[in-house]
């Protein structure tokens, strides 16, 4: 029971971390523009990859049907990415960008691809 609570608490905590990070007007960044871009865009991918994986693990406690769990996890993660970009409109010196939403989606897609690969591997090993 305690483990189940932690599995459902983790994605909400991670969403809180994302919210706090996107509430800052600016974050420390490298001096090189290309490196600054790479770090920030990589952070988008990692944030939403982790969010997808946390939601996926939580959803598996309710259903053992991994495509359903992946669909719910992907949908919740994408909706949160949309609301996070909207939230950035209200943060001074920040703005929402479609490109950032697409990069967030890349993190979700990477998580989905990894889940699919793990499922295929387990099928072939059975």
N, C-alpha and C. Protein backbone atom coordinates (compact mmCIF):
# COMPACT_ATOMS: atom_id res chain seq x y z
N UNK A 1 0.83 -1.20 0.00
CA UNK A 1 0.00 0.00 0.00
C UNK A 1 0.87 1.26 0.00
N UNK A 2 1.89 1.26 0.84
CA UNK A 2 2.77 2.43 0.94
C UNK A 2 3.50 2.68 -0.37
N UNK A 3 3.95 1.60 -1.01
CA UNK A 3 4.64 1.71 -2.30
C UNK A 3 3.70 2.29 -3.37
N UNK A 4 2.44 1.88 -3.33
CA UNK A 4 1.45 2.37 -4.28
C UNK A 4 1.24 3.88 -4.11
N UNK A 5 1.20 4.32 -2.87
CA UNK A 5 1.05 5.76 -2.60
C UNK A 5 2.24 6.52 -3.15
N UNK A 6 3.43 6.00 -2.95
CA UNK A 6 4.63 6.66 -3.47
C UNK A 6 4.62 6.72 -5.00
N UNK A 7 4.16 5.64 -5.64
CA UNK A 7 4.10 5.62 -7.10
C UNK A 7 3.14 6.67 -7.62
N UNK A 8 2.06 6.94 -6.91
CA UNK A 8 1.10 7.96 -7.34
C UNK A 8 1.51 9.36 -6.90
N UNK A 9 2.31 9.47 -5.86
CA UNK A 9 2.77 10.77 -5.39
C UNK A 9 3.90 11.31 -6.27
N UNK A 10 4.76 10.43 -6.74
CA UNK A 10 5.96 10.83 -7.49
C UNK A 10 5.66 11.71 -8.71
N UNK A 11 4.69 11.37 -9.57
CA UNK A 11 4.46 12.25 -10.73
C UNK A 11 3.97 13.64 -10.32
N UNK A 12 3.18 13.70 -9.26
CA UNK A 12 2.71 15.01 -8.80
C UNK A 12 3.87 15.85 -8.26
N UNK A 13 4.77 15.21 -7.53
CA UNK A 13 5.94 15.93 -7.03
C UNK A 13 6.80 16.44 -8.19
N UNK A 14 6.98 15.59 -9.21
CA UNK A 14 7.77 15.99 -10.37
C UNK A 14 7.09 17.14 -11.12
N UNK A 15 5.77 17.12 -11.20
CA UNK A 15 5.05 18.22 -11.83
C UNK A 15 5.28 19.51 -11.04
N UNK A 16 5.37 19.40 -9.73
CA UNK A 16 5.68 20.55 -8.90
C UNK A 16 7.06 21.10 -9.18
N UNK A 17 8.03 20.20 -9.37
CA UNK A 17 9.40 20.62 -9.72
C UNK A 17 9.39 21.36 -11.05
N UNK A 18 8.70 20.82 -12.04
CA UNK A 18 8.62 21.47 -13.35
C UNK A 18 7.97 22.86 -13.21
N UNK A 19 6.90 22.94 -12.42
CA UNK A 19 6.22 24.21 -12.23
C UNK A 19 7.15 25.26 -11.60
N UNK A 20 7.90 24.84 -10.59
CA UNK A 20 8.82 25.77 -9.93
C UNK A 20 9.89 26.23 -10.91
N UNK A 21 10.49 25.29 -11.66
CA UNK A 21 11.54 25.66 -12.63
C UNK A 21 11.00 26.64 -13.66
N UNK A 22 9.78 26.43 -14.12
CA UNK A 22 9.27 27.31 -15.16
C UNK A 22 8.72 28.62 -14.58
N UNK A 23 8.75 28.76 -13.26
CA UNK A 23 8.32 30.01 -12.63
C UNK A 23 9.45 31.03 -12.52
N UNK A 24 10.69 30.58 -12.71
CA UNK A 24 11.82 31.50 -12.66
C UNK A 24 11.90 32.30 -13.96
N UNK A 25 12.16 33.60 -13.81
CA UNK A 25 12.32 34.44 -15.01
C UNK A 25 13.55 34.02 -15.80
N UNK A 26 14.59 33.65 -15.09
CA UNK A 26 15.79 33.15 -15.78
C UNK A 26 16.51 32.20 -14.85
N UNK A 27 17.24 31.31 -15.44
CA UNK A 27 18.04 30.33 -14.71
C UNK A 27 19.50 30.51 -15.10
N UNK A 28 20.42 30.10 -14.25
CA UNK A 28 21.83 30.19 -14.65
C UNK A 28 22.05 29.43 -15.95
N UNK A 29 22.86 29.99 -16.82
CA UNK A 29 23.08 29.34 -18.11
C UNK A 29 24.50 29.59 -18.59
N UNK A 30 24.99 28.70 -19.45
CA UNK A 30 26.33 28.86 -20.01
C UNK A 30 26.42 30.13 -20.86
N UNK A 31 27.63 30.66 -21.00
CA UNK A 31 27.84 31.88 -21.78
C UNK A 31 27.69 31.66 -23.28
N UNK A 32 28.08 30.49 -23.74
CA UNK A 32 27.99 30.19 -25.17
C UNK A 32 26.52 30.01 -25.57
N UNK A 33 26.04 30.78 -26.55
CA UNK A 33 24.62 30.68 -26.95
C UNK A 33 24.21 29.27 -27.39
N UNK A 34 25.04 28.59 -28.15
CA UNK A 34 24.68 27.25 -28.63
C UNK A 34 24.60 26.27 -27.47
N UNK A 35 25.50 26.42 -26.49
CA UNK A 35 25.49 25.53 -25.33
C UNK A 35 24.28 25.84 -24.44
N UNK A 36 23.96 27.11 -24.31
CA UNK A 36 22.78 27.52 -23.55
C UNK A 36 21.53 26.89 -24.17
N UNK A 37 21.41 26.97 -25.50
CA UNK A 37 20.27 26.38 -26.20
C UNK A 37 20.22 24.87 -25.96
N UNK A 38 21.36 24.21 -26.10
CA UNK A 38 21.42 22.76 -25.94
C UNK A 38 21.02 22.33 -24.52
N UNK A 39 21.51 23.03 -23.53
CA UNK A 39 21.19 22.69 -22.14
C UNK A 39 19.70 22.88 -21.88
N UNK A 40 19.15 24.00 -22.32
CA UNK A 40 17.73 24.27 -22.05
C UNK A 40 16.81 23.30 -22.78
N UNK A 41 17.11 23.02 -24.02
CA UNK A 41 16.24 22.11 -24.78
C UNK A 41 16.39 20.67 -24.27
N UNK A 42 17.59 20.29 -23.88
CA UNK A 42 17.79 18.96 -23.29
C UNK A 42 17.00 18.83 -21.99
N UNK A 43 16.96 19.92 -21.22
CA UNK A 43 16.19 19.89 -19.97
C UNK A 43 14.71 19.65 -20.25
N UNK A 44 14.17 20.25 -21.31
CA UNK A 44 12.77 20.01 -21.69
C UNK A 44 12.54 18.53 -21.97
N UNK A 45 13.42 17.93 -22.74
CA UNK A 45 13.28 16.51 -23.09
C UNK A 45 13.32 15.65 -21.83
N UNK A 46 14.30 15.89 -20.99
CA UNK A 46 14.47 15.08 -19.78
C UNK A 46 13.29 15.26 -18.83
N UNK A 47 12.84 16.49 -18.63
CA UNK A 47 11.71 16.74 -17.72
C UNK A 47 10.49 15.92 -18.10
N UNK A 48 10.18 15.91 -19.38
CA UNK A 48 8.94 15.25 -19.80
C UNK A 48 9.13 13.76 -20.04
N UNK A 49 10.34 13.33 -20.29
CA UNK A 49 10.64 11.89 -20.31
C UNK A 49 10.40 11.32 -18.90
N UNK A 50 10.95 11.99 -17.90
CA UNK A 50 10.79 11.54 -16.51
C UNK A 50 9.31 11.58 -16.12
N UNK A 51 8.61 12.65 -16.47
CA UNK A 51 7.19 12.74 -16.12
C UNK A 51 6.40 11.59 -16.74
N UNK A 52 6.66 11.30 -18.02
CA UNK A 52 5.97 10.18 -18.66
C UNK A 52 6.24 8.88 -17.93
N UNK A 53 7.52 8.62 -17.63
CA UNK A 53 7.88 7.36 -16.96
C UNK A 53 7.23 7.25 -15.58
N UNK A 54 7.18 8.35 -14.83
CA UNK A 54 6.54 8.32 -13.51
C UNK A 54 5.04 8.04 -13.63
N UNK A 55 4.36 8.70 -14.57
CA UNK A 55 2.94 8.44 -14.77
C UNK A 55 2.71 7.01 -15.25
N UNK A 56 3.58 6.52 -16.12
CA UNK A 56 3.44 5.15 -16.62
C UNK A 56 3.51 4.15 -15.47
N UNK A 57 4.50 4.30 -14.60
CA UNK A 57 4.64 3.39 -13.45
C UNK A 57 3.41 3.45 -12.56
N UNK A 58 2.91 4.67 -12.32
CA UNK A 58 1.71 4.82 -11.47
C UNK A 58 0.51 4.15 -12.13
N UNK A 59 0.34 4.36 -13.41
CA UNK A 59 -0.81 3.79 -14.13
C UNK A 59 -0.78 2.27 -14.14
N UNK A 60 0.40 1.69 -14.12
CA UNK A 60 0.50 0.23 -14.11
C UNK A 60 -0.03 -0.37 -12.81
N UNK A 61 -0.18 0.44 -11.76
CA UNK A 61 -0.77 -0.08 -10.52
C UNK A 61 -2.27 -0.27 -10.66
N UNK A 62 -2.88 0.41 -11.65
CA UNK A 62 -4.32 0.31 -11.87
C UNK A 62 -4.68 -0.66 -13.00
N UNK A 63 -3.80 -0.77 -13.98
CA UNK A 63 -4.04 -1.67 -15.10
C UNK A 63 -2.72 -2.32 -15.49
N UNK A 64 -2.79 -3.57 -15.82
CA UNK A 64 -1.58 -4.27 -16.29
C UNK A 64 -1.49 -4.20 -17.82
N UNK A 65 -2.45 -3.53 -18.43
CA UNK A 65 -2.47 -3.35 -19.88
C UNK A 65 -1.54 -2.18 -20.21
N UNK A 66 -0.33 -2.50 -20.64
CA UNK A 66 0.68 -1.44 -20.82
C UNK A 66 0.29 -0.41 -21.88
N UNK A 67 -0.40 -0.76 -22.98
CA UNK A 67 -0.78 0.30 -23.92
C UNK A 67 -1.75 1.32 -23.29
N UNK A 68 -2.65 0.85 -22.44
CA UNK A 68 -3.57 1.78 -21.76
C UNK A 68 -2.77 2.67 -20.81
N UNK A 69 -1.88 2.06 -20.03
CA UNK A 69 -1.06 2.84 -19.10
C UNK A 69 -0.20 3.86 -19.85
N UNK A 70 0.36 3.46 -20.98
CA UNK A 70 1.19 4.37 -21.77
C UNK A 70 0.35 5.50 -22.36
N UNK A 71 -0.86 5.18 -22.81
CA UNK A 71 -1.73 6.21 -23.37
C UNK A 71 -2.14 7.25 -22.33
N UNK A 72 -2.48 6.77 -21.14
CA UNK A 72 -2.86 7.69 -20.07
C UNK A 72 -1.65 8.53 -19.65
N UNK A 73 -0.51 7.87 -19.48
CA UNK A 73 0.70 8.59 -19.08
C UNK A 73 1.10 9.63 -20.12
N UNK A 74 1.02 9.26 -21.39
CA UNK A 74 1.35 10.20 -22.45
C UNK A 74 0.37 11.36 -22.52
N UNK A 75 -0.91 11.05 -22.37
CA UNK A 75 -1.93 12.10 -22.41
C UNK A 75 -1.80 13.09 -21.26
N UNK A 76 -1.62 12.57 -20.05
CA UNK A 76 -1.47 13.44 -18.88
C UNK A 76 -0.21 14.29 -19.02
N UNK A 77 0.88 13.67 -19.47
CA UNK A 77 2.13 14.41 -19.63
C UNK A 77 2.01 15.50 -20.69
N UNK A 78 1.34 15.21 -21.78
CA UNK A 78 1.16 16.20 -22.83
C UNK A 78 0.27 17.36 -22.37
N UNK A 79 -0.80 17.03 -21.67
CA UNK A 79 -1.67 18.09 -21.14
C UNK A 79 -0.88 18.97 -20.17
N UNK A 80 -0.05 18.35 -19.35
CA UNK A 80 0.75 19.15 -18.42
C UNK A 80 1.75 20.03 -19.18
N UNK A 81 2.33 19.51 -20.24
CA UNK A 81 3.25 20.31 -21.06
C UNK A 81 2.52 21.53 -21.64
N UNK A 82 1.29 21.33 -22.09
CA UNK A 82 0.49 22.45 -22.61
C UNK A 82 0.23 23.50 -21.53
N UNK A 83 -0.15 23.05 -20.34
CA UNK A 83 -0.43 24.00 -19.26
C UNK A 83 0.85 24.68 -18.78
N UNK A 84 1.96 23.98 -18.84
CA UNK A 84 3.24 24.59 -18.44
C UNK A 84 3.63 25.70 -19.41
N UNK A 85 3.45 25.46 -20.70
CA UNK A 85 3.75 26.51 -21.68
C UNK A 85 2.81 27.70 -21.50
N UNK A 86 1.54 27.45 -21.21
CA UNK A 86 0.59 28.53 -20.96
C UNK A 86 1.00 29.31 -19.71
N UNK A 87 1.41 28.59 -18.68
CA UNK A 87 1.85 29.21 -17.42
C UNK A 87 3.02 30.17 -17.66
N UNK A 88 3.90 29.83 -18.58
CA UNK A 88 5.07 30.67 -18.83
C UNK A 88 4.69 32.04 -19.43
N UNK A 89 3.50 32.16 -19.99
CA UNK A 89 3.03 33.47 -20.46
C UNK A 89 2.93 34.47 -19.32
N UNK A 90 2.73 34.01 -18.12
CA UNK A 90 2.50 34.87 -16.96
C UNK A 90 3.78 35.12 -16.17
N UNK A 91 4.88 34.51 -16.57
CA UNK A 91 6.15 34.68 -15.87
C UNK A 91 6.93 35.80 -16.57
N UNK A 92 7.37 36.83 -15.82
CA UNK A 92 8.13 37.92 -16.45
C UNK A 92 9.35 37.38 -17.23
N UNK A 93 9.58 37.94 -18.40
CA UNK A 93 10.69 37.59 -19.29
C UNK A 93 10.62 36.16 -19.83
N UNK A 94 9.45 35.53 -19.74
CA UNK A 94 9.27 34.19 -20.32
C UNK A 94 8.11 34.27 -21.29
N UNK A 95 8.06 33.32 -22.18
CA UNK A 95 6.94 33.22 -23.10
C UNK A 95 6.73 31.77 -23.47
N UNK A 96 5.52 31.46 -23.88
CA UNK A 96 5.27 30.08 -24.32
C UNK A 96 5.67 29.97 -25.78
N UNK A 97 6.19 28.81 -26.12
CA UNK A 97 6.64 28.57 -27.49
C UNK A 97 6.16 27.20 -27.95
N UNK A 98 5.67 27.17 -29.16
CA UNK A 98 5.25 25.90 -29.75
C UNK A 98 6.45 24.96 -29.86
N UNK A 99 7.61 25.51 -30.19
CA UNK A 99 8.82 24.68 -30.31
C UNK A 99 9.13 23.98 -29.00
N UNK A 100 8.95 24.67 -27.88
CA UNK A 100 9.20 24.04 -26.58
C UNK A 100 8.20 22.92 -26.31
N UNK A 101 6.95 23.12 -26.70
CA UNK A 101 5.95 22.08 -26.54
C UNK A 101 6.33 20.85 -27.37
N UNK A 102 6.82 21.07 -28.57
CA UNK A 102 7.25 19.95 -29.42
C UNK A 102 8.45 19.23 -28.81
N UNK A 103 9.35 19.99 -28.19
CA UNK A 103 10.51 19.37 -27.54
C UNK A 103 10.07 18.60 -26.30
N UNK A 104 9.10 19.14 -25.55
CA UNK A 104 8.52 18.39 -24.42
C UNK A 104 7.93 17.08 -24.93
N UNK A 105 7.23 17.16 -26.05
CA UNK A 105 6.61 15.97 -26.64
C UNK A 105 7.66 14.95 -27.06
N UNK A 106 8.82 15.41 -27.47
CA UNK A 106 9.91 14.49 -27.81
C UNK A 106 10.30 13.65 -26.59
N UNK A 107 10.36 14.27 -25.41
CA UNK A 107 10.66 13.52 -24.19
C UNK A 107 9.61 12.48 -23.91
N UNK A 108 8.33 12.83 -24.11
CA UNK A 108 7.24 11.89 -23.92
C UNK A 108 7.35 10.74 -24.92
N UNK A 109 7.64 11.07 -26.17
CA UNK A 109 7.78 10.05 -27.22
C UNK A 109 8.96 9.11 -26.94
N UNK A 110 10.05 9.66 -26.43
CA UNK A 110 11.19 8.81 -26.07
C UNK A 110 10.81 7.82 -24.97
N UNK A 111 10.05 8.31 -23.99
CA UNK A 111 9.57 7.41 -22.93
C UNK A 111 8.66 6.33 -23.48
N UNK A 112 7.76 6.71 -24.37
CA UNK A 112 6.86 5.76 -24.99
C UNK A 112 7.63 4.73 -25.83
N UNK A 113 8.60 5.20 -26.58
CA UNK A 113 9.42 4.30 -27.39
C UNK A 113 10.16 3.31 -26.49
N UNK A 114 10.71 3.79 -25.38
CA UNK A 114 11.44 2.90 -24.47
C UNK A 114 10.51 1.85 -23.87
N UNK A 115 9.31 2.27 -23.47
CA UNK A 115 8.34 1.32 -22.93
C UNK A 115 8.00 0.27 -23.97
N UNK A 116 7.79 0.70 -25.20
CA UNK A 116 7.47 -0.23 -26.30
C UNK A 116 8.62 -1.22 -26.52
N UNK A 117 9.84 -0.73 -26.51
CA UNK A 117 11.00 -1.60 -26.69
C UNK A 117 11.10 -2.62 -25.56
N UNK A 118 10.85 -2.19 -24.35
CA UNK A 118 10.90 -3.10 -23.20
C UNK A 118 9.82 -4.17 -23.30
N UNK A 119 8.65 -3.79 -23.77
CA UNK A 119 7.56 -4.76 -23.92
C UNK A 119 7.88 -5.76 -25.02
N UNK A 120 8.43 -5.29 -26.13
CA UNK A 120 8.80 -6.19 -27.22
C UNK A 120 9.87 -7.17 -26.76
N UNK A 121 10.83 -6.67 -26.01
CA UNK A 121 11.91 -7.52 -25.52
C UNK A 121 11.36 -8.59 -24.58
N UNK A 122 10.42 -8.23 -23.71
CA UNK A 122 9.85 -9.21 -22.77
C UNK A 122 9.00 -10.24 -23.51
N UNK A 123 8.35 -9.85 -24.59
CA UNK A 123 7.55 -10.79 -25.38
C UNK A 123 8.47 -11.84 -26.02
N UNK A 124 9.58 -11.39 -26.58
CA UNK A 124 10.49 -12.30 -27.27
C UNK A 124 11.28 -13.17 -26.30
N UNK A 125 11.43 -12.76 -25.06
CA UNK A 125 12.16 -13.55 -24.08
C UNK A 125 11.28 -14.58 -23.42
N UNK A 126 9.97 -14.45 -23.56
CA UNK A 126 9.02 -15.40 -22.92
C UNK A 126 9.04 -16.73 -23.61
